[in-house]
Amino acid sequence: MANQPGFSSPRVDFGIVVSDIAKSAAFYTAIGFKEVEGFDVPAEMGEKSGLTAANKPFSVRIFQLGDGDDATNVKVMQFAGGSPARPDNSTIHAGLGIRYLTLYVDDVDAAIARARKAGVFPLAQGPYKLPAGFPDGVWLACVKDPDGNIIEFVGPKK
C-alpha cells in the first residue's frame, strides 16, 4: 500500500505520560500489546526538541500492537519529580485533545477478559451492540487504563 504524499509510513504512534509506569506496562501487556525495545531521551534532546520544557532526561517504554514497520506503538513514559496535571477523562466529551484509543478486536468478550486480568472492567453498560446504520454484528466496549485514559474495543462477539 502506498503512503500518502509527504509521509514515510502509515503508522501512527501515541505517547502517554503515566503516573505509574509498572501499572501501565501491566495493563497494556494484559490487553494484548507486546513490549518491544524502548529508548532513552537525553535531557538536552528533550529540551531542545520541544519534548520537555525542563532539562529532564526520560525513558520511553514501547508497547506494540502487531508486527512489522506498520504496527501501532504506544510509547509510555513517567517523569520523576512533580505531578503532571490530570486531564478530565470522565467521558470523551469532557475536554479537548486526544480523548481515546480505538482497538479493533476479533472478539470483544475476549478483549474484556484480557482487561479484567489487569483489574479493568467495561464502562457504563458495555459491551454495547452498535445500532442500525453501523456495521452489523459489531460491539463496542470502553475501559480505562490505570491513569483513566479511555480505550475502546470494537469488534464482533464470538
Protein backbone atom coordinates (compact mmCIF):
# COMPACT_ATOMS: atom_id res chain seq x y z
CA MET A 1 0.00 0.00 0.00
CA ALA A 2 1.43 3.35 -1.00
CA ASN A 3 1.91 6.03 1.63
CA GLN A 4 0.20 9.38 1.49
CA PRO A 5 2.43 12.01 -0.15
CA GLY A 6 4.79 13.54 2.37
CA PHE A 7 4.60 10.62 4.82
CA SER A 8 7.16 7.85 5.03
CA SER A 9 4.86 5.43 6.88
CA PRO A 10 1.13 4.96 7.54
CA ARG A 11 1.91 4.11 11.19
CA VAL A 12 0.84 6.47 13.95
CA ASP A 13 2.45 6.15 17.39
CA PHE A 14 0.96 7.54 20.62
CA GLY A 15 2.87 8.84 23.62
CA ILE A 16 1.20 8.59 27.01
CA VAL A 17 2.62 10.18 30.16
CA VAL A 18 1.65 7.98 33.11
CA SER A 19 1.76 8.17 36.89
CA ASP A 20 2.96 4.58 37.43
CA ILE A 21 4.85 3.00 34.55
CA ALA A 22 4.74 -0.51 36.07
CA LYS A 23 0.93 -0.45 36.32
CA SER A 24 0.64 0.88 32.78
CA ALA A 25 3.02 -1.79 31.47
CA ALA A 26 0.93 -4.49 33.16
CA PHE A 27 -2.27 -3.06 31.64
CA TYR A 28 -1.03 -2.73 28.06
CA THR A 29 0.52 -6.20 28.05
CA ALA A 30 -2.62 -7.69 29.63
CA ILE A 31 -4.84 -6.32 26.84
CA GLY A 32 -2.59 -7.77 24.14
CA PHE A 33 0.29 -5.39 23.40
CA LYS A 34 3.82 -6.74 23.49
CA GLU A 35 6.67 -4.74 24.92
CA VAL A 36 9.49 -4.05 22.48
CA GLU A 37 12.77 -2.23 22.96
CA GLY A 38 12.33 1.31 24.22
CA PHE A 39 14.77 4.19 24.30
CA ASP A 40 16.17 6.96 26.47
CA VAL A 41 15.83 10.66 25.69
CA PRO A 42 18.77 12.72 26.97
CA ALA A 43 17.92 15.96 28.80
CA GLU A 44 19.39 18.17 26.08
CA MET A 45 17.39 16.42 23.34
CA GLY A 46 14.17 16.67 25.33
CA GLU A 47 14.55 20.40 25.89
CA LYS A 48 15.98 21.43 22.50
CA SER A 49 13.42 19.39 20.53
CA GLY A 50 10.45 20.74 22.47
CA LEU A 51 9.52 17.42 24.07
CA THR A 52 10.09 18.80 27.58
CA ALA A 53 10.31 22.32 28.95
CA ALA A 54 12.73 21.36 31.70
CA ASN A 55 16.18 19.91 31.33
CA LYS A 56 14.99 16.36 32.20
CA PRO A 57 16.07 13.06 30.72
CA PHE A 58 13.43 10.33 30.45
CA SER A 59 12.94 6.78 29.31
CA VAL A 60 10.26 5.53 26.93
CA ARG A 61 8.82 2.02 27.08
CA ILE A 62 7.14 0.87 23.87
CA PHE A 63 4.14 -1.43 23.63
CA GLN A 64 3.40 -2.68 20.13
CA LEU A 65 0.21 -3.99 18.59
CA GLY A 66 1.05 -6.23 15.67
CA ASP A 67 4.32 -6.86 13.90
CA GLY A 68 6.40 -5.03 11.34
CA ASP A 69 7.01 -1.42 10.45
CA ASP A 70 3.29 -0.57 10.28
CA ALA A 71 2.45 -1.85 13.79
CA THR A 72 0.91 0.61 16.23
CA ASN A 73 3.19 1.71 19.07
CA VAL A 74 2.05 3.12 22.39
CA LYS A 75 5.01 4.91 23.96
CA VAL A 76 4.68 5.10 27.74
CA MET A 77 6.77 7.39 29.93
CA GLN A 78 6.86 8.58 33.52
CA PHE A 79 8.59 11.72 34.76
CA ALA A 80 10.22 11.86 38.18
CA GLY A 81 9.71 14.91 40.38
CA GLY A 82 6.48 16.81 40.03
CA SER A 83 2.97 15.76 39.28
CA PRO A 84 1.62 16.48 35.81
CA ALA A 85 -1.94 17.78 35.64
CA ARG A 86 -4.54 15.08 35.11
CA PRO A 87 -6.99 15.72 32.29
CA ASP A 88 -10.69 15.10 32.83
CA ASN A 89 -11.11 11.62 31.33
CA SER A 90 -14.55 11.03 32.77
CA THR A 91 -16.00 10.87 29.23
CA ILE A 92 -14.70 11.64 25.75
CA HIS A 93 -16.64 14.93 25.64
CA ALA A 94 -15.10 16.21 28.90
CA GLY A 95 -12.23 18.04 27.23
CA LEU A 96 -10.25 18.82 24.14
CA GLY A 97 -7.39 16.81 22.71
CA ILE A 98 -6.88 13.13 22.09
CA ARG A 99 -9.66 11.52 24.08
CA TYR A 100 -9.44 7.78 23.43
CA LEU A 101 -7.71 4.98 21.53
CA THR A 102 -9.72 2.56 19.39
CA LEU A 103 -8.51 -1.02 19.21
CA TYR A 104 -10.17 -3.26 16.62
CA VAL A 105 -10.50 -6.74 18.08
CA ASP A 106 -11.53 -10.20 16.84
CA ASP A 107 -13.73 -10.76 19.88
CA VAL A 108 -14.95 -8.03 22.23
CA ASP A 109 -15.63 -10.54 25.02
CA ALA A 110 -12.07 -11.89 24.81
CA ALA A 111 -10.67 -8.32 24.89
CA ILE A 112 -12.72 -7.58 28.00
CA ALA A 113 -11.49 -10.81 29.61
CA ARG A 114 -7.88 -9.72 29.00
CA ALA A 115 -8.60 -6.29 30.51
CA ARG A 116 -10.18 -7.91 33.57
CA LYS A 117 -6.87 -9.70 34.20
CA ALA A 118 -5.43 -6.21 34.73
CA GLY A 119 -8.30 -5.30 37.08
CA VAL A 120 -10.12 -3.22 34.45
CA PHE A 121 -13.84 -3.51 33.68
CA PRO A 122 -16.09 -2.11 30.94
CA LEU A 123 -17.56 1.34 31.45
CA ALA A 124 -21.28 2.05 31.59
CA GLN A 125 -23.30 -0.79 30.04
CA GLY A 126 -20.57 -2.12 27.76
CA PRO A 127 -20.24 -4.08 25.68
CA TYR A 128 -22.85 -2.31 23.60
CA LYS A 129 -24.12 -3.62 20.26
CA LEU A 130 -23.84 -0.93 17.60
CA PRO A 131 -27.27 0.10 16.29
CA ALA A 132 -28.65 0.10 12.74
CA GLY A 133 -26.56 2.23 10.43
CA PHE A 134 -23.29 0.84 11.79
CA PRO A 135 -21.72 -2.42 10.60
CA ASP A 136 -23.88 -5.37 11.62
CA GLY A 137 -22.73 -7.59 14.48
CA VAL A 138 -20.19 -5.11 15.85
CA TRP A 139 -19.93 -4.36 19.55
CA LEU A 140 -18.25 -1.54 21.48
CA ALA A 141 -16.77 -1.67 24.97
CA CYS A 142 -14.78 1.07 26.69
CA VAL A 143 -12.31 0.58 29.53
CA LYS A 144 -9.83 2.89 31.23
CA ASP A 145 -6.11 2.35 31.66
CA PRO A 146 -4.53 2.93 35.11
CA ASP A 147 -4.43 6.72 34.52
CA GLY A 148 -8.01 6.92 33.27
CA ASN A 149 -7.31 7.07 29.54
CA ILE A 150 -10.23 5.59 27.63
CA ILE A 151 -9.54 2.54 25.46
CA GLU A 152 -12.30 1.48 23.08
CA PHE A 153 -12.58 -2.15 21.92
CA VAL A 154 -14.57 -2.53 18.67
CA GLY A 155 -15.41 -5.83 17.03
CA PRO A 156 -17.72 -8.84 16.94
CA LYS A 157 -18.54 -11.20 19.80
CA LYS A 158 -17.64 -14.83 19.18
